[in-house]
């Protein structure tokens, strides 16, 4: 019912890379149909302009979210993406390291989905705090990966807080 893929190309490949990213998403969307929730991960490889252009090019494929298009501390960039591409959901957090990083993302409403990793964000106790902060403002948390420490968080939270397990 859900699938996430990686983008293969970024700003250095220019317009040709953009078209190749679109072709990747189109191929997966054609294979799985519109009823499957599809997300895609840019793994910190884009800049704001590139991400905005990709969001426009990919709009018809209805990506559930675009993950980590920018570097983790480019909160201003994430805010700009949300403002300029309101139809697209954005996620990040895999490379954020403290609850304070997440507090800023939450306070500024910089993303639509938080994706902390217990390995990087201070362990299970800190992720529980991040989940509480996110729940207070209605943001979902989808911990990065399905490693046992992240699963412990997902299973300890209500479904409206942690609605999906990455696998």
N, C-alpha and C. Protein backbone atom coordinates (compact mmCIF):
# COMPACT_ATOMS: atom_id res chain seq x y z
N UNK A 1 0.80 -1.20 0.00
CA UNK A 1 0.00 0.00 0.00
C UNK A 1 0.85 1.27 0.00
N UNK A 2 2.12 1.12 0.38
CA UNK A 2 3.02 2.27 0.41
C UNK A 2 4.37 1.87 -0.16
N UNK A 3 5.04 2.85 -0.75
CA UNK A 3 6.33 2.59 -1.35
C UNK A 3 7.13 3.88 -1.35
N UNK A 4 8.40 3.76 -1.08
CA UNK A 4 9.28 4.93 -1.19
C UNK A 4 10.46 4.55 -2.08
N UNK A 5 10.83 5.48 -2.95
CA UNK A 5 11.96 5.26 -3.84
C UNK A 5 12.94 6.41 -3.66
N UNK A 6 14.11 6.26 -4.23
CA UNK A 6 15.11 7.33 -4.21
C UNK A 6 15.12 8.03 -5.56
N UNK A 7 15.44 9.32 -5.49
CA UNK A 7 15.74 10.04 -6.72
C UNK A 7 17.19 9.75 -7.07
N UNK A 8 17.49 9.70 -8.34
CA UNK A 8 18.85 9.39 -8.75
C UNK A 8 19.67 10.59 -9.18
N UNK A 9 19.02 11.77 -9.29
CA UNK A 9 19.70 12.88 -9.92
C UNK A 9 19.43 14.19 -9.18
N UNK A 10 20.38 15.11 -9.28
CA UNK A 10 20.27 16.38 -8.60
C UNK A 10 20.68 17.54 -9.48
N UNK A 11 20.91 18.69 -8.87
CA UNK A 11 21.20 19.90 -9.63
C UNK A 11 22.38 19.79 -10.60
N UNK A 12 23.36 18.99 -10.28
CA UNK A 12 24.53 18.89 -11.16
C UNK A 12 24.20 18.26 -12.51
N UNK A 13 23.13 17.50 -12.58
CA UNK A 13 22.74 16.88 -13.84
C UNK A 13 21.79 17.77 -14.65
N UNK A 14 21.42 18.93 -14.10
CA UNK A 14 20.62 19.91 -14.83
C UNK A 14 19.26 19.39 -15.27
N UNK A 15 18.71 20.00 -16.33
CA UNK A 15 17.38 19.63 -16.83
C UNK A 15 17.27 18.16 -17.22
N UNK A 16 18.37 17.59 -17.74
CA UNK A 16 18.33 16.17 -18.11
C UNK A 16 18.13 15.30 -16.86
N UNK A 17 18.80 15.66 -15.78
CA UNK A 17 18.62 14.92 -14.53
C UNK A 17 17.20 15.05 -14.00
N UNK A 18 16.63 16.23 -14.14
CA UNK A 18 15.23 16.42 -13.72
C UNK A 18 14.32 15.47 -14.49
N UNK A 19 14.52 15.41 -15.79
CA UNK A 19 13.68 14.53 -16.61
C UNK A 19 13.91 13.06 -16.26
N UNK A 20 15.12 12.72 -15.89
CA UNK A 20 15.40 11.34 -15.49
C UNK A 20 14.74 11.03 -14.15
N UNK A 21 14.70 12.00 -13.22
CA UNK A 21 13.96 11.81 -11.97
C UNK A 21 12.47 11.60 -12.24
N UNK A 22 11.93 12.41 -13.14
CA UNK A 22 10.52 12.27 -13.50
C UNK A 22 10.28 10.89 -14.10
N UNK A 23 11.17 10.43 -14.97
CA UNK A 23 11.03 9.11 -15.60
C UNK A 23 11.05 8.00 -14.55
N UNK A 24 11.90 8.14 -13.53
CA UNK A 24 11.94 7.14 -12.45
C UNK A 24 10.61 7.08 -11.71
N UNK A 25 10.10 8.24 -11.35
CA UNK A 25 8.83 8.28 -10.62
C UNK A 25 7.69 7.78 -11.52
N UNK A 26 7.68 8.20 -12.77
CA UNK A 26 6.65 7.75 -13.70
C UNK A 26 6.66 6.23 -13.84
N UNK A 27 7.85 5.64 -13.95
CA UNK A 27 7.94 4.18 -14.10
C UNK A 27 7.37 3.46 -12.89
N UNK A 28 7.70 3.95 -11.70
CA UNK A 28 7.17 3.31 -10.49
C UNK A 28 5.66 3.54 -10.40
N UNK A 29 5.21 4.76 -10.65
CA UNK A 29 3.78 5.06 -10.58
C UNK A 29 3.01 4.21 -11.58
N UNK A 30 3.53 4.07 -12.79
CA UNK A 30 2.86 3.24 -13.80
C UNK A 30 2.80 1.79 -13.35
N UNK A 31 3.84 1.32 -12.68
CA UNK A 31 3.88 -0.08 -12.24
C UNK A 31 2.94 -0.37 -11.08
N UNK A 32 2.80 0.60 -10.15
CA UNK A 32 2.01 0.32 -8.93
C UNK A 32 0.62 0.95 -8.96
N UNK A 33 0.38 1.87 -9.86
CA UNK A 33 -0.93 2.52 -9.93
C UNK A 33 -1.06 3.68 -8.96
N UNK A 34 -2.16 4.38 -9.07
CA UNK A 34 -2.39 5.57 -8.25
C UNK A 34 -2.88 5.23 -6.85
N UNK A 35 -3.33 4.01 -6.62
CA UNK A 35 -3.85 3.66 -5.29
C UNK A 35 -2.74 3.38 -4.27
N UNK A 36 -1.51 3.23 -4.73
CA UNK A 36 -0.38 3.01 -3.83
C UNK A 36 0.21 4.36 -3.44
N UNK A 37 0.41 4.55 -2.13
CA UNK A 37 1.03 5.78 -1.64
C UNK A 37 2.51 5.73 -2.01
N UNK A 38 2.97 6.73 -2.73
CA UNK A 38 4.34 6.76 -3.23
C UNK A 38 5.06 8.00 -2.71
N UNK A 39 6.22 7.79 -2.11
CA UNK A 39 7.07 8.88 -1.65
C UNK A 39 8.44 8.71 -2.30
N UNK A 40 9.27 9.75 -2.21
CA UNK A 40 10.59 9.66 -2.81
C UNK A 40 11.59 10.47 -1.99
N UNK A 41 12.82 9.98 -1.93
CA UNK A 41 13.87 10.52 -1.06
C UNK A 41 14.97 11.15 -1.91
N UNK A 42 15.24 12.43 -1.65
CA UNK A 42 16.30 13.14 -2.37
C UNK A 42 17.62 13.12 -1.61
N UNK A 43 17.64 12.64 -0.41
CA UNK A 43 18.83 12.45 0.44
C UNK A 43 19.76 13.66 0.44
N UNK A 44 19.19 14.82 0.77
CA UNK A 44 19.94 16.06 0.96
C UNK A 44 20.67 16.53 -0.29
N UNK A 45 20.23 16.08 -1.47
CA UNK A 45 20.98 16.36 -2.68
C UNK A 45 20.51 17.52 -3.53
N UNK A 46 19.48 18.24 -3.07
CA UNK A 46 18.93 19.30 -3.89
C UNK A 46 19.12 20.65 -3.22
N UNK A 47 18.80 21.71 -3.95
CA UNK A 47 18.70 23.04 -3.37
C UNK A 47 17.24 23.47 -3.52
N UNK A 48 16.90 24.64 -3.00
CA UNK A 48 15.51 25.09 -2.98
C UNK A 48 14.95 25.20 -4.40
N UNK A 49 15.68 25.83 -5.30
CA UNK A 49 15.18 26.01 -6.66
C UNK A 49 14.94 24.69 -7.37
N UNK A 50 15.87 23.78 -7.22
CA UNK A 50 15.73 22.47 -7.85
C UNK A 50 14.53 21.73 -7.26
N UNK A 51 14.39 21.77 -5.94
CA UNK A 51 13.27 21.08 -5.28
C UNK A 51 11.93 21.64 -5.73
N UNK A 52 11.85 22.97 -5.86
CA UNK A 52 10.59 23.57 -6.32
C UNK A 52 10.26 23.13 -7.74
N UNK A 53 11.25 23.12 -8.59
CA UNK A 53 11.02 22.71 -9.97
C UNK A 53 10.62 21.23 -10.04
N UNK A 54 11.29 20.39 -9.25
CA UNK A 54 10.93 18.97 -9.23
C UNK A 54 9.51 18.78 -8.72
N UNK A 55 9.13 19.52 -7.69
CA UNK A 55 7.76 19.40 -7.16
C UNK A 55 6.74 19.73 -8.25
N UNK A 56 7.02 20.74 -9.04
CA UNK A 56 6.11 21.10 -10.14
C UNK A 56 6.04 19.99 -11.18
N UNK A 57 7.21 19.47 -11.57
CA UNK A 57 7.26 18.43 -12.59
C UNK A 57 6.60 17.12 -12.13
N UNK A 58 6.65 16.87 -10.82
CA UNK A 58 6.13 15.61 -10.28
C UNK A 58 4.71 15.69 -9.76
N UNK A 59 4.12 16.84 -9.81
CA UNK A 59 2.80 17.04 -9.21
C UNK A 59 1.76 16.02 -9.68
N UNK A 60 1.76 15.72 -10.96
CA UNK A 60 0.75 14.80 -11.50
C UNK A 60 0.89 13.37 -10.95
N UNK A 61 2.04 13.04 -10.39
CA UNK A 61 2.25 11.67 -9.88
C UNK A 61 1.85 11.53 -8.41
N UNK A 62 1.43 12.63 -7.81
CA UNK A 62 0.89 12.66 -6.45
C UNK A 62 1.79 11.95 -5.44
N UNK A 63 3.01 12.42 -5.33
CA UNK A 63 3.90 11.86 -4.30
C UNK A 63 3.36 12.21 -2.93
N UNK A 64 3.34 11.23 -2.06
CA UNK A 64 2.87 11.46 -0.70
C UNK A 64 3.78 12.45 0.01
N UNK A 65 5.08 12.31 -0.18
CA UNK A 65 6.02 13.30 0.33
C UNK A 65 7.33 13.20 -0.43
N UNK A 66 8.05 14.31 -0.42
CA UNK A 66 9.43 14.33 -0.90
C UNK A 66 10.30 14.46 0.34
N UNK A 67 11.18 13.50 0.51
CA UNK A 67 11.99 13.40 1.73
C UNK A 67 13.35 14.03 1.55
N UNK A 68 13.72 14.81 2.53
CA UNK A 68 15.06 15.35 2.70
C UNK A 68 15.66 15.96 1.43
N UNK A 69 14.93 16.88 0.78
CA UNK A 69 15.52 17.48 -0.41
C UNK A 69 16.71 18.38 -0.10
N UNK A 70 16.72 18.98 1.09
CA UNK A 70 17.74 19.96 1.47
C UNK A 70 18.60 19.43 2.60
N UNK A 71 19.68 20.12 2.87
CA UNK A 71 20.50 19.80 4.04
C UNK A 71 19.66 20.01 5.30
N UNK A 72 19.95 19.27 6.36
CA UNK A 72 19.05 19.27 7.52
C UNK A 72 18.89 20.61 8.23
N UNK A 73 19.87 21.44 8.20
CA UNK A 73 19.76 22.70 8.94
C UNK A 73 19.30 23.87 8.07
N UNK A 74 18.88 23.59 6.86
CA UNK A 74 18.35 24.63 5.98
C UNK A 74 16.86 24.82 6.26
N UNK A 75 16.56 25.22 7.48
CA UNK A 75 15.17 25.38 7.89
C UNK A 75 14.49 26.47 7.06
N UNK A 76 15.20 27.55 6.77
CA UNK A 76 14.63 28.60 5.92
C UNK A 76 14.23 28.02 4.56
N UNK A 77 15.05 27.14 4.02
CA UNK A 77 14.75 26.52 2.74
C UNK A 77 13.51 25.65 2.80
N UNK A 78 13.37 24.89 3.87
CA UNK A 78 12.17 24.05 4.03
C UNK A 78 10.92 24.91 4.16
N UNK A 79 11.02 26.01 4.90
CA UNK A 79 9.88 26.92 5.03
C UNK A 79 9.50 27.47 3.66
N UNK A 80 10.50 27.84 2.87
CA UNK A 80 10.22 28.36 1.53
C UNK A 80 9.55 27.31 0.65
N UNK A 81 10.01 26.06 0.72
CA UNK A 81 9.38 24.99 -0.06
C UNK A 81 7.92 24.83 0.31
N UNK A 82 7.64 24.83 1.60
CA UNK A 82 6.24 24.68 2.04
C UNK A 82 5.38 25.85 1.56
N UNK A 83 5.93 27.04 1.58
CA UNK A 83 5.16 28.21 1.17
C UNK A 83 4.94 28.25 -0.33
N UNK A 84 5.96 27.88 -1.09
CA UNK A 84 5.89 28.03 -2.55
C UNK A 84 5.36 26.80 -3.27
N UNK A 85 5.33 25.67 -2.58
CA UNK A 85 4.80 24.42 -3.17
C UNK A 85 3.82 23.79 -2.17
N UNK A 86 2.70 24.46 -1.88
CA UNK A 86 1.80 23.98 -0.82
C UNK A 86 1.10 22.65 -1.14
N UNK A 87 1.06 22.23 -2.39
CA UNK A 87 0.44 20.96 -2.74
C UNK A 87 1.31 19.76 -2.37
N UNK A 88 2.60 19.99 -2.17
CA UNK A 88 3.54 18.90 -1.91
C UNK A 88 3.85 18.81 -0.42
N UNK A 89 3.81 17.59 0.13
CA UNK A 89 4.26 17.41 1.51
C UNK A 89 5.77 17.17 1.48
N UNK A 90 6.46 17.72 2.50
CA UNK A 90 7.92 17.63 2.63
C UNK A 90 8.24 16.98 3.95
N UNK A 91 9.31 16.19 3.98
CA UNK A 91 9.73 15.57 5.24
C UNK A 91 11.24 15.71 5.41
N UNK A 92 11.67 15.67 6.65
CA UNK A 92 13.09 15.62 6.96
C UNK A 92 13.25 15.24 8.43
N UNK A 93 14.48 15.09 8.85
CA UNK A 93 14.76 14.78 10.24
C UNK A 93 15.74 13.65 10.45
N UNK A 94 15.95 12.85 9.43
CA UNK A 94 16.88 11.72 9.55
C UNK A 94 18.27 12.18 9.98
N UNK A 95 18.66 13.37 9.57
CA UNK A 95 19.99 13.90 9.91
C UNK A 95 19.93 15.08 10.86
N UNK A 96 18.89 15.15 11.65
CA UNK A 96 18.79 16.17 12.71
C UNK A 96 19.18 15.50 14.02
N UNK A 97 19.84 16.25 14.88
CA UNK A 97 20.55 15.60 15.98
C UNK A 97 20.06 15.87 17.39
N UNK A 98 19.14 16.76 17.57
CA UNK A 98 18.64 16.98 18.93
C UNK A 98 17.16 17.32 18.88
N UNK A 99 16.52 17.23 20.02
CA UNK A 99 15.11 17.64 20.06
C UNK A 99 14.98 19.12 19.73
N UNK A 100 16.05 19.89 19.94
CA UNK A 100 16.00 21.32 19.64
C UNK A 100 15.96 21.55 18.13
N UNK A 101 16.63 20.71 17.35
CA UNK A 101 16.50 20.79 15.89
C UNK A 101 15.04 20.59 15.50
N UNK A 102 14.40 19.61 16.11
CA UNK A 102 13.01 19.31 15.79
C UNK A 102 12.07 20.39 16.31
N UNK A 103 12.42 20.96 17.45
CA UNK A 103 11.60 22.05 17.99
C UNK A 103 11.55 23.21 17.01
N UNK A 104 12.68 23.51 16.37
CA UNK A 104 12.69 24.59 15.37
C UNK A 104 11.87 24.22 14.15
N UNK A 105 12.02 22.98 13.66
CA UNK A 105 11.21 22.53 12.52
C UNK A 105 9.73 22.64 12.83
N UNK A 106 9.36 22.25 14.05
CA UNK A 106 7.96 22.28 14.46
C UNK A 106 7.48 23.71 14.62
N UNK A 107 8.23 24.53 15.34
CA UNK A 107 7.81 25.91 15.60
C UNK A 107 7.63 26.70 14.31
N UNK A 108 8.46 26.41 13.33
CA UNK A 108 8.41 27.16 12.06
C UNK A 108 7.52 26.47 11.03
N UNK A 109 6.96 25.32 11.41
CA UNK A 109 6.12 24.53 10.49
C UNK A 109 6.86 24.35 9.16
N UNK A 110 8.12 23.94 9.28
CA UNK A 110 9.01 23.85 8.13
C UNK A 110 8.77 22.61 7.28
N UNK A 111 8.21 21.56 7.86
CA UNK A 111 7.95 20.32 7.13
C UNK A 111 6.59 19.77 7.54
N UNK A 112 6.13 18.79 6.77
CA UNK A 112 4.84 18.16 7.03
C UNK A 112 4.97 16.85 7.80
N UNK A 113 6.15 16.24 7.73
CA UNK A 113 6.41 14.96 8.38
C UNK A 113 7.80 15.03 8.99
N UNK A 114 7.92 14.60 10.24
CA UNK A 114 9.23 14.53 10.90
C UNK A 114 9.73 13.10 10.83
N UNK A 115 11.02 12.93 10.54
CA UNK A 115 11.59 11.59 10.40
C UNK A 115 12.87 11.43 11.22
N UNK A 116 12.77 11.50 12.54
CA UNK A 116 13.97 11.36 13.36
C UNK A 116 14.51 9.93 13.34
N UNK A 117 15.77 9.81 13.67
CA UNK A 117 16.41 8.50 13.83
C UNK A 117 17.00 8.47 15.23
N UNK A 118 16.64 7.46 16.00
CA UNK A 118 17.12 7.37 17.39
C UNK A 118 18.65 7.32 17.45
N UNK A 119 19.29 6.77 16.45
CA UNK A 119 20.76 6.72 16.43
C UNK A 119 21.38 8.11 16.44
N UNK A 120 20.70 9.06 15.83
CA UNK A 120 21.28 10.39 15.65
C UNK A 120 20.65 11.44 16.57
N UNK A 121 19.42 11.23 16.99
CA UNK A 121 18.68 12.28 17.68
C UNK A 121 18.65 12.11 19.20
N UNK A 122 19.51 11.28 19.74
CA UNK A 122 19.61 11.21 21.20
C UNK A 122 18.97 10.01 21.86
N UNK A 123 18.55 9.03 21.08
CA UNK A 123 18.01 7.82 21.66
C UNK A 123 16.50 7.83 21.81
N UNK A 124 16.01 6.76 22.42
CA UNK A 124 14.57 6.55 22.54
C UNK A 124 13.91 7.64 23.37
N UNK A 125 14.52 8.04 24.47
CA UNK A 125 13.92 9.07 25.32
C UNK A 125 13.74 10.37 24.56
N UNK A 126 14.75 10.76 23.79
CA UNK A 126 14.64 12.00 23.02
C UNK A 126 13.58 11.87 21.92
N UNK A 127 13.48 10.71 21.29
CA UNK A 127 12.46 10.55 20.27
C UNK A 127 11.06 10.61 20.87
N UNK A 128 10.89 10.11 22.05
CA UNK A 128 9.59 10.23 22.73
C UNK A 128 9.25 11.71 22.95
N UNK A 129 10.23 12.51 23.30
CA UNK A 129 10.00 13.95 23.47
C UNK A 129 9.65 14.60 22.13
N UNK A 130 10.35 14.21 21.08
CA UNK A 130 10.07 14.74 19.75
C UNK A 130 8.64 14.38 19.34
N UNK A 131 8.24 13.16 19.62
CA UNK A 131 6.87 12.73 19.30
C UNK A 131 5.85 13.55 20.07
N UNK A 132 6.12 13.83 21.33
CA UNK A 132 5.18 14.64 22.14
C UNK A 132 5.07 16.04 21.57
N UNK A 133 6.20 16.64 21.17
CA UNK A 133 6.16 17.98 20.59
C UNK A 133 5.37 17.96 19.27
N UNK A 134 5.60 16.93 18.46
CA UNK A 134 4.92 16.83 17.18
C UNK A 134 3.42 16.60 17.37
N UNK A 135 3.07 15.75 18.31
CA UNK A 135 1.65 15.47 18.55
C UNK A 135 0.91 16.74 18.98
N UNK A 136 1.58 17.57 19.75
CA UNK A 136 0.94 18.79 20.25
C UNK A 136 0.51 19.72 19.13
N UNK A 137 1.16 19.63 17.97
CA UNK A 137 0.80 20.50 16.84
C UNK A 137 0.23 19.71 15.66
N UNK A 138 0.02 18.41 15.85
CA UNK A 138 -0.61 17.60 14.81
C UNK A 138 0.29 17.17 13.67
N UNK A 139 1.60 17.11 13.91
CA UNK A 139 2.52 16.64 12.87
C UNK A 139 2.79 15.14 13.04
N UNK A 140 2.74 14.37 11.96
CA UNK A 140 3.10 12.96 12.08
C UNK A 140 4.62 12.77 12.16
N UNK A 141 5.00 11.69 12.81
CA UNK A 141 6.40 11.30 12.95
C UNK A 141 6.54 9.92 12.31
N UNK A 142 7.45 9.81 11.39
CA UNK A 142 7.75 8.51 10.76
C UNK A 142 9.23 8.28 10.97
N UNK A 143 9.60 7.59 12.07
CA UNK A 143 11.02 7.39 12.34
C UNK A 143 11.75 6.78 11.16
N UNK A 144 12.98 7.25 10.96
CA UNK A 144 13.80 6.77 9.86
C UNK A 144 14.20 5.32 10.11
N UNK A 145 13.88 4.48 9.22
CA UNK A 145 14.22 3.05 9.19
C UNK A 145 13.42 2.22 10.18
N UNK A 146 13.53 0.94 10.04
CA UNK A 146 12.79 0.01 10.89
C UNK A 146 13.71 -0.71 11.86
N UNK A 147 14.78 -0.09 12.26
CA UNK A 147 15.66 -0.71 13.25
C UNK A 147 14.93 -0.77 14.58
N UNK A 148 15.29 -1.72 15.45
CA UNK A 148 14.51 -1.94 16.69
C UNK A 148 14.29 -0.69 17.54
N UNK A 149 15.28 0.18 17.65
CA UNK A 149 15.10 1.38 18.48
C UNK A 149 14.06 2.32 17.87
N UNK A 150 14.01 2.41 16.56
CA UNK A 150 12.98 3.24 15.92
C UNK A 150 11.62 2.56 15.98
N UNK A 151 11.59 1.24 15.87
CA UNK A 151 10.33 0.52 16.01
C UNK A 151 9.76 0.68 17.41
N UNK A 152 10.63 0.72 18.41
CA UNK A 152 10.16 0.92 19.78
C UNK A 152 9.39 2.23 19.90
N UNK A 153 9.86 3.25 19.22
CA UNK A 153 9.16 4.53 19.23
C UNK A 153 7.83 4.40 18.51
N UNK A 154 7.85 3.86 17.31
CA UNK A 154 6.62 3.74 16.53
C UNK A 154 5.56 2.96 17.31
N UNK A 155 5.95 1.84 17.92
CA UNK A 155 4.98 1.01 18.64
C UNK A 155 4.52 1.64 19.95
N UNK A 156 5.29 2.60 20.46
CA UNK A 156 4.90 3.23 21.72
C UNK A 156 3.98 4.43 21.52
N UNK A 157 3.74 4.80 20.28
CA UNK A 157 2.95 6.01 20.00
C UNK A 157 1.59 5.64 19.40
N UNK A 158 0.61 6.51 19.60
CA UNK A 158 -0.67 6.31 18.91
C UNK A 158 -0.49 6.39 17.40
N UNK A 159 -1.38 5.76 16.67
CA UNK A 159 -1.26 5.71 15.21
C UNK A 159 -1.32 7.08 14.55
N UNK A 160 -1.98 8.05 15.17
CA UNK A 160 -2.02 9.38 14.56
C UNK A 160 -0.68 10.11 14.73
N UNK A 161 0.17 9.65 15.64
CA UNK A 161 1.49 10.25 15.82
C UNK A 161 2.49 9.56 14.90
N UNK A 162 2.55 8.25 14.94
CA UNK A 162 3.47 7.47 14.09
C UNK A 162 2.64 6.54 13.21
N UNK A 163 2.16 7.04 12.08
CA UNK A 163 1.22 6.26 11.26
C UNK A 163 1.84 5.21 10.35
N UNK A 164 3.17 5.24 10.17
CA UNK A 164 3.80 4.37 9.17
C UNK A 164 5.14 3.87 9.72
N UNK A 165 5.46 2.64 9.38
CA UNK A 165 6.78 2.07 9.67
C UNK A 165 7.54 1.98 8.37
N UNK A 166 8.72 2.56 8.34
CA UNK A 166 9.56 2.39 7.14
C UNK A 166 10.15 0.99 7.16
N UNK A 167 10.17 0.39 5.99
CA UNK A 167 10.78 -0.93 5.86
C UNK A 167 11.52 -0.99 4.56
